[in-house]
Amino acid sequence: MDKKIPDNEAYGALQKIKQAEEKAREIIQEAQEKTATQIVQDAYEEAEKIRAQFLAEAKEKAGKKKEEIIDRAKRERNRIEKESDMEISDLRQKTSSRMSDAVEKIRKKVEESLKKGAF
């Protein structure tokens, strides 16, 4: 019986060691899963920060580009308006000059007709 007692104690101790090892494996597994989950969560949060930063930069660049396009379009509109105003002014001068010439020709014809007694 003396031999069985130490064997039983050794067996019990071995069982406790196995249980402790199993518990340790479970704790390690749980820690690894939590760590992996936390790493994934951290990576996701960091990716969101980076995405938000790039989005903000893209919006800023797009806003600047939009303003540049609007400014360029305004300058082009002003240039076209000036050219159009100059063309209109030129056409008015030509029309006025031609109208005066036409009125003078008609006046002369009417005068000639009156002299000839055509009316």
Protein backbone atom coordinates (compact mmCIF):
# COMPACT_ATOMS: atom_id res chain seq x y z
CA MET A 1 0.00 0.00 0.00
CA ASP A 2 2.85 2.31 0.62
CA LYS A 3 3.72 2.11 -3.04
CA LYS A 4 0.19 3.02 -4.09
CA ILE A 5 0.03 6.13 -2.00
CA PRO A 6 3.02 7.76 -3.67
CA ASP A 7 1.73 6.60 -7.02
CA ASN A 8 -1.65 8.09 -6.24
CA GLU A 9 -0.02 11.28 -5.11
CA ALA A 10 2.14 11.33 -8.22
CA TYR A 11 -0.88 10.53 -10.35
CA GLY A 12 -2.89 13.28 -8.66
CA ALA A 13 -0.03 15.71 -9.08
CA LEU A 14 0.28 14.73 -12.73
CA GLN A 15 -3.45 15.29 -13.20
CA LYS A 16 -3.17 18.71 -11.59
CA ILE A 17 -0.23 19.54 -13.84
CA LYS A 18 -2.24 18.44 -16.91
CA GLN A 19 -5.20 20.52 -15.76
CA ALA A 20 -2.94 23.50 -15.16
CA GLU A 21 -1.36 23.05 -18.60
CA GLU A 22 -4.79 22.82 -20.21
CA LYS A 23 -5.93 25.93 -18.35
CA ALA A 24 -2.73 27.69 -19.43
CA ARG A 25 -3.36 26.66 -23.07
CA GLU A 26 -6.91 28.01 -22.83
CA ILE A 27 -5.64 31.29 -21.36
CA ILE A 28 -2.99 31.55 -24.07
CA GLN A 29 -5.54 30.74 -26.79
CA GLU A 30 -7.94 33.31 -25.37
CA ALA A 31 -5.17 35.90 -25.13
CA GLN A 32 -4.12 35.20 -28.71
CA GLU A 33 -7.70 35.54 -29.93
CA LYS A 34 -8.18 38.76 -27.98
CA THR A 35 -4.84 40.04 -29.22
CA ALA A 36 -5.69 39.12 -32.82
CA THR A 37 -9.10 40.74 -32.46
CA GLN A 38 -7.53 43.84 -30.95
CA ILE A 39 -4.91 43.97 -33.71
CA VAL A 40 -7.64 43.72 -36.34
CA GLN A 41 -9.67 46.40 -34.56
CA ASP A 42 -6.64 48.68 -34.27
CA ALA A 43 -5.80 48.14 -37.93
CA TYR A 44 -9.39 48.92 -38.92
CA GLU A 45 -9.37 52.11 -36.84
CA GLU A 46 -6.03 53.17 -38.31
CA ALA A 47 -7.32 52.44 -41.82
CA GLU A 48 -10.38 54.59 -41.10
CA LYS A 49 -8.15 57.44 -39.92
CA ILE A 50 -6.03 57.17 -43.06
CA ARG A 51 -9.12 56.99 -45.28
CA ALA A 52 -10.59 60.06 -43.57
CA GLN A 53 -7.30 61.92 -44.00
CA PHE A 54 -7.06 61.03 -47.70
CA LEU A 55 -10.70 61.96 -48.18
CA ALA A 56 -10.14 65.34 -46.53
CA GLU A 57 -7.07 65.96 -48.71
CA ALA A 58 -8.96 64.92 -51.84
CA LYS A 59 -11.84 67.25 -50.96
CA GLU A 60 -9.41 70.10 -50.38
CA LYS A 61 -7.65 69.47 -53.70
CA ALA A 62 -10.99 69.18 -55.49
CA GLY A 63 -12.13 72.46 -53.93
CA LYS A 64 -8.97 74.22 -55.07
CA LYS A 65 -9.28 72.73 -58.55
CA LYS A 66 -12.92 73.83 -58.69
CA GLU A 67 -11.96 77.37 -57.72
CA GLU A 68 -9.21 77.42 -60.35
CA ILE A 69 -11.66 76.27 -63.02
CA ILE A 70 -14.24 78.84 -61.94
CA ASP A 71 -11.63 81.62 -61.94
CA ARG A 72 -10.38 80.59 -65.38
CA ALA A 73 -13.97 80.46 -66.68
CA LYS A 74 -14.66 83.95 -65.28
CA ARG A 75 -11.53 85.35 -66.92
CA GLU A 76 -12.52 83.73 -70.22
CA ARG A 77 -16.08 85.09 -69.90
CA ASN A 78 -14.72 88.59 -69.24
CA ARG A 79 -12.39 88.33 -72.23
CA ILE A 80 -15.24 87.19 -74.47
CA GLU A 81 -17.51 89.97 -73.16
CA LYS A 82 -14.84 92.58 -73.92
CA GLU A 83 -14.34 91.18 -77.42
CA SER A 84 -18.10 91.09 -77.98
CA ASP A 85 -18.50 94.66 -76.74
CA MET A 86 -15.72 95.79 -79.07
CA GLU A 87 -17.32 93.96 -82.02
CA ILE A 88 -20.73 95.45 -81.21
CA SER A 89 -19.21 98.91 -80.97
CA ASP A 90 -17.41 98.40 -84.28
CA LEU A 91 -20.59 97.16 -85.94
CA ARG A 92 -22.54 100.14 -84.60
CA GLN A 93 -19.94 102.53 -86.00
CA LYS A 94 -20.00 100.80 -89.39
CA THR A 95 -23.80 100.66 -89.38
CA SER A 96 -24.04 104.32 -88.39
CA SER A 97 -21.59 105.30 -91.11
CA ARG A 98 -23.38 103.21 -93.74
CA MET A 99 -26.74 104.49 -92.59
CA SER A 100 -25.53 108.06 -93.02
CA ASP A 101 -24.26 107.18 -96.51
CA ALA A 102 -27.56 105.52 -97.38
CA VAL A 103 -29.57 108.49 -96.10
CA GLU A 104 -27.36 110.85 -98.11
CA LYS A 105 -27.84 108.78 -101.30
CA ILE A 106 -31.60 108.69 -100.80
CA ARG A 107 -31.65 112.45 -100.10
CA LYS A 108 -29.73 113.08 -103.33
CA LYS A 109 -32.09 110.86 -105.36
CA VAL A 110 -35.10 112.56 -103.87
CA GLU A 111 -33.56 115.94 -104.58
CA GLU A 112 -32.84 114.94 -108.21
CA SER A 113 -36.32 113.58 -108.58
CA LEU A 114 -37.76 116.81 -107.24
CA LYS A 115 -35.63 118.85 -109.62
CA LYS A 116 -36.81 116.71 -112.55
CA GLY A 117 -40.36 116.99 -111.31
CA ALA A 118 -40.83 113.28 -110.85
CA PHE A 119 -43.04 113.76 -107.80
